[in-house]
Protein backbone atom coordinates (compact mmCIF):
# COMPACT_ATOMS: atom_id res chain seq x y z
CA MET A 1 122.82 71.81 114.47
CA ILE A 2 125.89 74.00 114.93
CA ASP A 3 125.57 76.17 118.03
CA PRO A 4 127.79 77.21 120.94
CA ILE A 5 125.11 76.06 123.38
CA TYR A 6 122.43 73.39 123.40
CA THR A 7 119.29 75.46 122.85
CA ASP A 8 115.56 74.80 122.74
CA SER A 9 115.84 74.73 118.94
CA MET A 10 117.02 71.14 119.27
CA LEU A 11 115.22 69.50 122.20
CA GLY A 12 116.49 66.09 121.18
CA ASN A 13 115.29 66.37 117.59
CA GLU A 14 118.73 66.95 116.11
CA ASP A 15 120.78 64.18 114.52
CA GLU A 16 123.94 65.83 115.76
CA TRP A 17 124.92 68.84 117.85
CA VAL A 18 128.26 70.43 116.98
CA PRO A 19 129.38 72.93 119.65
CA ILE A 20 131.49 75.76 118.26
CA ARG A 21 133.43 78.71 119.66
CA PRO A 22 131.14 81.78 119.27
CA GLY A 23 131.88 83.90 116.23
CA THR A 24 134.01 81.32 114.40
CA ASP A 25 131.43 79.89 112.00
CA ALA A 26 133.26 81.38 109.01
CA ALA A 27 136.40 79.44 109.92
CA LEU A 28 134.34 76.26 110.14
CA VAL A 29 132.88 76.83 106.68
CA GLU A 30 136.29 77.61 105.24
CA GLY A 31 137.72 74.40 106.73
CA MET A 32 134.91 72.44 105.09
CA ALA A 33 135.42 74.33 101.82
CA TYR A 34 139.07 73.24 101.85
CA VAL A 35 137.98 69.61 102.00
CA MET A 36 135.38 70.05 99.25
CA ILE A 37 137.87 71.75 96.94
CA THR A 38 140.81 69.44 97.50
CA GLU A 39 138.64 66.31 97.23
CA ASN A 40 136.82 67.60 94.13
CA LEU A 41 133.43 67.63 95.85
CA VAL A 42 132.28 71.04 94.61
CA ASP A 43 129.72 71.42 91.82
CA GLN A 44 132.13 72.84 89.25
CA GLU A 45 129.51 73.00 86.52
CA PHE A 46 127.23 75.13 88.69
CA LEU A 47 130.12 77.38 89.76
CA ASP A 48 131.25 77.91 86.16
CA ARG A 49 127.78 78.68 84.89
CA TYR A 50 126.28 80.81 87.64
CA CYS A 51 129.09 82.24 89.79
CA ILE A 52 131.75 84.89 89.41
CA GLY A 53 134.81 84.80 91.62
CA TYR A 54 134.97 81.18 92.70
CA ASP A 55 138.13 80.66 90.70
CA GLU A 56 140.42 82.86 88.67
CA LYS A 57 138.95 82.08 85.28
CA THR A 58 135.62 83.71 86.19
CA LEU A 59 137.16 86.97 87.41
CA PRO A 60 137.63 89.99 85.12
CA LYS A 61 141.10 90.54 83.75
CA SER A 62 141.51 93.59 85.94
CA ALA A 63 141.19 91.54 89.14
CA PRO A 64 144.40 91.03 91.15
CA ALA A 65 146.03 87.64 90.83
CA ASN A 66 144.84 85.01 93.31
CA SER A 67 141.96 87.17 94.53
CA ASP A 68 139.37 84.46 93.89
CA TYR A 69 137.65 82.38 96.57
CA LYS A 70 139.41 79.13 95.71
CA SER A 71 142.84 80.73 95.99
CA TYR A 72 141.88 82.24 99.35
CA ILE A 73 140.82 78.85 100.72
CA LEU A 74 143.93 77.06 99.44
CA GLY A 75 146.27 79.69 100.90
CA LYS A 76 147.28 81.26 97.59
CA GLY A 77 145.62 84.58 98.42
CA PRO A 78 147.09 87.65 100.12
CA ASP A 79 147.14 86.08 103.59
CA GLY A 80 148.99 82.96 102.38
CA LEU A 81 147.12 80.81 104.91
CA PRO A 82 145.58 77.49 103.78
CA LYS A 83 142.20 77.05 105.47
CA THR A 84 142.77 73.40 106.36
CA PRO A 85 140.52 71.46 108.73
CA GLN A 86 143.39 71.52 111.24
CA TRP A 87 143.54 75.31 111.09
CA ALA A 88 139.75 75.53 111.39
CA ALA A 89 139.80 73.19 114.39
CA ARG A 90 142.14 75.51 116.26
CA GLU A 91 139.90 78.49 115.49
CA THR A 92 136.54 76.89 116.20
CA GLY A 93 137.14 74.20 118.79
CA VAL A 94 135.48 71.68 116.46
CA PRO A 95 137.69 68.58 115.95
CA SER A 96 139.30 68.40 112.52
CA GLU A 97 137.85 64.90 112.03
CA THR A 98 134.35 66.34 112.52
CA ILE A 99 135.05 69.12 110.03
CA VAL A 100 136.20 66.65 107.38
CA ARG A 101 133.21 64.38 107.94
CA LEU A 102 130.71 67.27 107.84
CA ALA A 103 132.29 68.58 104.65
CA ARG A 104 131.86 65.24 102.91
CA GLU A 105 128.30 64.78 104.17
CA ILE A 106 127.26 68.29 103.13
CA ALA A 107 128.87 67.95 99.70
CA THR A 108 127.17 64.63 98.93
CA THR A 109 123.72 65.27 100.44
CA LYS A 110 121.04 66.13 97.91
CA PRO A 111 118.93 68.06 98.43
CA LEU A 112 120.90 70.19 100.90
CA PHE A 113 119.15 72.72 103.12
CA VAL A 114 121.47 75.22 104.80
CA ALA A 115 119.97 77.81 107.15
CA GLN A 116 121.58 80.11 109.68
CA GLY A 117 120.08 81.76 112.74
CA TRP A 118 120.17 85.39 113.79
CA GLY A 119 123.07 85.10 116.21
CA PRO A 120 126.15 84.70 113.96
CA GLN A 121 126.03 88.18 112.41
CA ARG A 122 125.40 90.14 115.60
CA HIS A 123 128.98 90.90 116.48
CA ALA A 124 132.07 92.44 114.90
CA ASN A 125 132.58 91.26 111.30
CA GLY A 126 129.28 89.40 111.45
CA ASP A 127 128.43 90.34 107.87
CA SER A 128 131.46 88.41 106.62
CA LEU A 129 130.43 85.42 108.69
CA THR A 130 126.95 85.22 107.16
CA LEU A 131 128.40 85.46 103.67
CA ALA A 132 130.77 82.62 104.49
CA ILE A 133 127.88 80.36 105.53
CA ALA A 134 126.07 81.16 102.29
CA MET A 135 129.01 79.64 100.40
CA LEU A 136 127.97 76.11 101.39
CA PRO A 137 124.93 75.89 99.06
CA ILE A 138 126.93 77.74 96.39
CA LEU A 139 129.85 75.32 96.49
CA THR A 140 127.49 72.37 96.27
CA GLY A 141 125.14 73.86 93.68
CA GLN A 142 122.18 73.40 95.98
CA ILE A 143 120.27 76.60 95.26
CA GLY A 144 116.93 77.00 93.53
CA LEU A 145 116.09 73.31 93.70
CA PRO A 146 113.30 71.60 95.65
CA GLY A 147 114.32 71.10 99.26
CA THR A 148 117.21 73.56 99.15
CA ASN A 149 117.90 76.97 100.64
CA ASN A 150 120.28 79.81 99.84
CA GLY A 151 121.97 79.79 103.24
CA ALA A 152 119.81 82.51 104.74
CA ARG A 153 117.77 82.02 107.87
CA GLU A 154 114.62 79.91 107.90
CA ALA A 155 111.44 81.24 106.26
CA ASP A 156 113.10 84.50 105.25
CA GLN A 157 110.59 85.56 102.65
CA ALA A 158 108.93 88.94 102.35
CA GLY A 159 106.10 87.65 104.48
CA PHE A 160 102.48 88.64 104.81
CA ALA A 161 100.87 90.53 107.65
CA ALA A 162 97.32 91.65 108.25
CA SER A 163 97.21 94.55 110.67
CA ILE A 164 95.10 97.44 111.84
CA PRO A 165 95.02 100.08 109.08
CA VAL A 166 96.76 103.36 109.78
CA PRO A 167 96.52 106.72 108.04
CA PRO A 168 99.12 107.58 105.41
CA ASN A 169 102.29 108.99 106.89
CA PRO A 170 102.67 112.60 105.72
CA VAL A 171 106.42 112.43 106.37
CA LYS A 172 108.07 110.84 103.34
CA ALA A 173 111.69 111.38 104.37
CA SER A 174 113.53 108.32 105.69
CA ILE A 175 117.10 107.47 106.64
CA CYS A 176 119.33 104.42 106.42
CA LEU A 177 118.66 102.14 109.38
CA ASN A 178 122.24 100.94 109.71
CA VAL A 179 123.57 104.41 110.48
CA TRP A 180 120.56 105.88 112.29
CA HIS A 181 122.81 107.25 115.03
CA ARG A 182 124.32 109.77 112.63
CA ALA A 183 120.96 111.52 112.52
CA ILE A 184 121.39 112.33 116.22
CA THR A 185 124.64 114.24 115.83
CA ASP A 186 124.94 115.11 112.15
CA ALA A 187 121.66 114.72 110.30
CA ALA A 188 122.72 117.19 107.62
CA SER A 189 125.34 114.73 106.38
CA MET A 190 122.68 112.15 105.53
CA THR A 191 121.67 112.89 101.95
CA VAL A 192 120.14 111.22 98.94
CA GLU A 193 123.45 111.62 97.14
CA ASN A 194 125.40 109.46 99.62
CA GLY A 195 122.58 106.92 99.92
CA LEU A 196 121.80 107.63 103.59
CA ALA A 197 118.41 109.32 103.06
CA LYS A 198 115.40 109.08 100.77
CA ASN A 199 112.61 111.41 99.69
CA THR A 200 114.20 114.54 101.10
CA THR A 201 116.39 117.40 99.97
CA GLY A 202 118.03 117.38 103.38
CA LEU A 203 117.14 116.73 107.00
CA ARG A 204 116.30 119.96 108.77
CA SER A 205 117.38 119.00 112.27
CA ASN A 206 118.99 116.25 114.31
CA ILE A 207 116.77 113.57 115.84
CA LYS A 208 115.69 114.42 119.37
CA PHE A 209 112.92 111.87 120.01
CA ILE A 210 113.21 108.10 119.46
CA TRP A 211 110.40 105.56 119.61
CA GLU A 212 111.77 102.02 119.42
CA SER A 213 109.38 99.10 118.90
CA GLN A 214 109.70 95.55 117.55
CA GLY A 215 113.39 95.91 116.95
CA ASN A 216 116.85 95.83 118.44
CA ASN A 217 118.87 97.90 116.02
CA VAL A 218 119.41 100.65 118.57
CA ILE A 219 122.12 98.90 120.56
CA ASN A 220 122.94 95.31 119.71
CA GLN A 221 122.36 94.76 116.02
CA HIS A 222 124.68 97.15 114.21
CA THR A 223 128.27 98.21 114.57
CA GLY A 224 129.25 101.08 116.82
CA SER A 225 127.32 99.95 119.91
CA ASN A 226 129.58 101.88 122.27
CA GLU A 227 129.05 105.05 120.27
CA MET A 228 125.29 104.55 120.28
CA ALA A 229 125.24 103.91 124.03
CA LYS A 230 127.17 107.11 124.68
CA MET A 231 124.66 109.09 122.61
CA LEU A 232 121.67 107.66 124.45
CA ARG A 233 123.28 108.52 127.79
CA THR A 234 123.81 112.16 126.78
CA PRO A 235 120.71 114.25 127.65
CA SER A 236 121.75 117.08 125.34
CA LEU A 237 121.58 114.74 122.33
CA THR A 238 118.28 112.89 122.85
CA ASP A 239 115.39 114.55 124.65
CA CYS A 240 113.26 111.41 124.96
CA PHE A 241 113.75 107.70 124.24
CA VAL A 242 110.73 105.40 124.40
CA VAL A 243 111.09 101.62 124.15
CA VAL A 244 108.23 99.14 123.70
CA ASN A 245 109.25 95.75 125.05
CA ASN A 246 108.19 92.97 127.38
CA MET A 247 111.67 92.16 128.64
CA MET A 248 114.44 94.13 130.30
CA THR A 249 116.76 93.98 127.31
CA PRO A 250 120.01 95.91 126.82
CA ILE A 251 118.00 98.54 124.94
CA THR A 252 115.45 99.18 127.70
CA ARG A 253 118.21 100.16 130.12
CA PHE A 254 118.69 103.36 128.12
CA ALA A 255 114.99 104.23 127.85
CA ASP A 256 113.26 107.18 129.49
CA TYR A 257 110.00 105.23 129.23
CA VAL A 258 109.36 101.51 128.77
CA LEU A 259 105.91 100.53 127.48
CA PRO A 260 104.59 96.94 127.51
CA ASP A 261 103.26 95.06 124.52
CA VAL A 262 101.64 91.73 123.80
CA PHE A 263 103.67 88.70 122.82
CA GLY A 264 103.49 87.39 119.27
CA LEU A 265 101.33 84.39 120.10
CA GLU A 266 98.77 86.68 121.78
CA VAL A 267 97.95 88.65 118.66
CA ASP A 268 97.04 86.05 116.05
CA ASP A 269 93.71 87.85 115.63
CA TYR A 270 95.54 90.71 113.99
CA LYS A 271 98.50 89.46 112.04
CA LEU A 272 100.54 86.44 111.13
CA GLU A 273 103.93 86.26 112.73
CA LYS A 274 106.22 86.56 109.71
CA TYR A 275 108.81 84.22 111.16
CA PHE A 276 106.21 81.46 111.58
CA GLU A 277 104.27 81.98 108.40
CA ASP A 278 106.40 80.29 105.77
CA GLY A 279 107.32 76.75 106.60
CA MET A 280 107.09 76.84 110.39
CA LEU A 281 104.20 77.01 112.84
CA GLU A 282 101.58 78.21 110.39
CA SER A 283 102.85 76.33 107.36
CA SER A 284 99.42 75.73 105.88
CA PRO A 285 95.76 76.71 106.32
CA GLU A 286 95.15 73.26 107.78
CA GLY A 287 97.98 73.73 110.26
CA PHE A 288 96.66 77.09 111.35
CA ARG A 289 93.13 75.77 111.72
CA SER A 290 94.35 72.86 113.83
CA ILE A 291 96.05 75.32 116.15
CA THR A 292 93.18 77.78 116.43
CA SER A 293 90.44 75.16 116.63
CA GLU A 294 91.45 74.49 120.22
CA VAL A 295 90.29 77.97 121.19
CA SER A 296 86.75 79.12 120.53
CA ARG A 297 86.01 82.58 119.23
CA LYS A 298 84.38 83.45 122.56
CA GLU A 299 87.44 82.36 124.52
CA LYS A 300 89.69 84.40 122.29
CA LYS A 301 87.68 87.55 122.99
CA GLN A 302 88.06 86.96 126.70
CA ALA A 303 91.77 86.16 126.58
CA PRO A 304 94.26 88.56 128.17
CA LEU A 305 95.29 91.49 126.01
CA MET A 306 92.77 90.77 123.29
CA VAL A 307 90.61 93.54 121.80
CA ASN A 308 87.11 93.81 123.21
CA THR A 309 84.98 93.81 120.07
CA ASP A 310 81.82 94.81 121.93
CA LYS A 311 83.53 98.05 122.96
CA ILE A 312 84.46 98.71 119.36
CA ASN A 313 80.88 98.11 118.24
CA GLU A 314 79.63 100.53 120.86
CA LYS A 315 82.07 103.29 119.99
CA CYS A 316 82.18 102.75 116.25
CA GLY A 317 78.63 101.92 115.39
CA THR A 318 79.53 99.00 113.18
CA ASN A 319 79.63 95.25 113.41
CA PHE A 320 83.29 94.60 114.10
CA THR A 321 82.65 90.84 114.19
CA GLU A 322 82.48 90.84 110.39
CA MET A 323 85.85 92.59 110.25
CA GLU A 324 87.26 90.12 112.72
CA GLU A 325 86.06 87.18 110.63
CA MET A 326 87.73 88.72 107.60
CA LEU A 327 90.98 88.84 109.53
CA LEU A 328 90.64 85.17 110.47
CA GLN A 329 90.14 84.34 106.80
CA ILE A 330 93.25 86.35 105.94
CA GLN A 331 95.29 84.56 108.57
CA MET A 332 94.20 81.08 107.55
CA GLU A 333 94.42 81.51 103.80
CA ASN A 334 96.96 84.28 103.18
CA ASP A 335 94.12 85.90 101.25
CA TYR A 336 95.35 89.19 99.77
CA VAL A 337 91.90 89.92 98.32
CA ALA A 338 90.38 89.58 101.78
CA LEU A 339 93.07 91.87 103.16
CA ASP A 340 92.18 94.59 100.67
CA LYS A 341 88.51 94.11 101.44
CA TRP A 342 89.15 94.41 105.17
CA HIS A 343 91.15 97.61 104.77
CA SER A 344 88.38 99.08 102.65
CA TYR A 345 85.73 98.00 105.15
CA ALA A 346 87.63 99.41 108.11
CA GLN A 347 88.25 102.76 106.47
CA ASN A 348 85.02 103.41 104.59
CA ASN A 349 82.04 101.37 105.81
CA ASP A 350 80.24 102.73 108.86
CA CYS A 351 83.51 103.11 110.75
CA LYS A 352 85.37 106.16 109.52
CA THR A 353 86.66 106.81 113.02
CA PHE A 354 88.14 103.33 113.28
CA MET A 355 91.76 104.41 113.10
CA LEU A 356 91.29 107.33 115.49
CA LEU A 357 89.46 105.02 117.86
CA PHE A 358 92.42 102.68 118.14
CA GLU A 359 94.85 105.56 118.46
CA LYS A 360 92.86 107.22 121.25
CA ASP A 361 91.08 104.44 123.11
CA PHE A 362 93.03 101.25 122.47
CA PRO A 363 94.04 100.82 126.15
CA LYS A 364 90.36 101.08 127.16
CA MET A 365 89.33 98.40 124.67
CA VAL A 366 91.79 95.81 125.87
CA ALA A 367 90.18 93.11 127.97
CA VAL A 368 92.70 92.39 130.72
């Protein structure tokens, strides 16, 4: 585990903890890449067959000389700086001996599973850092094989979620998340032609109201945080900013209103937590059943911030228990057929006001 601090992710289960200076993971990888290249530990066959840009022979003829990855690592690129373990040690605070040893272990371990957390990319030049980490499975050819990973974070699949159905959104226009702040000051510049908008011939006005939920892109996830903070502090730019969160995060400090929500582990009746679903907490139907078997269905209905199904039955005139059981089946089995059936049931069978009910009376139906 490579981390600046000893976190709960380890709890004594790690074989080794390697502390590192925050934001220097790319230098660590490059120091290890230097060892792999100079000691002939890379999977050259894999690199030749599947990769473009590792060395000069795979680049197009129009590419500048020494613009390949190998040249960059060996100091033959534009910066002229060899990325030796000694150089990496000065940048990262990780001893050069550790860098050499890790490089050899990573290069000779099969299968190799490389995963990175969410922290490395959340600072200046973080995108380059995440790409650097992804080079480890590429250099070793450990991609697409049993027990391997592509260097992305754990369980980063598309995921599956069962949730309360909502009506179709009549607004089809959308904007690029990474530059959302431009829609506050210059929405007209966000067009389909420049790739910053979809399904619109042009935004008609700047954004004046922001509802932020289940995310952190407003302040601390993308570049230009200072610019975004200035916008949110300027009343003439944003009329209202609502944040849904359980913690006083950097984002909530800018909010006009802060609304509470339930925590992820409190809502397993409604959807699988995507981060847990593939290969973590709920790795299999048996694993999920072993977790939920500790809590009876009756106890779950009485738990804090759970939906009161009796209230739904009363207001809706339908047996919500059947719908709830469908959801449990979906959660335990990742059953897409059951999901479609539940959506159809919720929208068409004896409960046409279901969606409006949740929109209007959800706070009243929560058993606190």
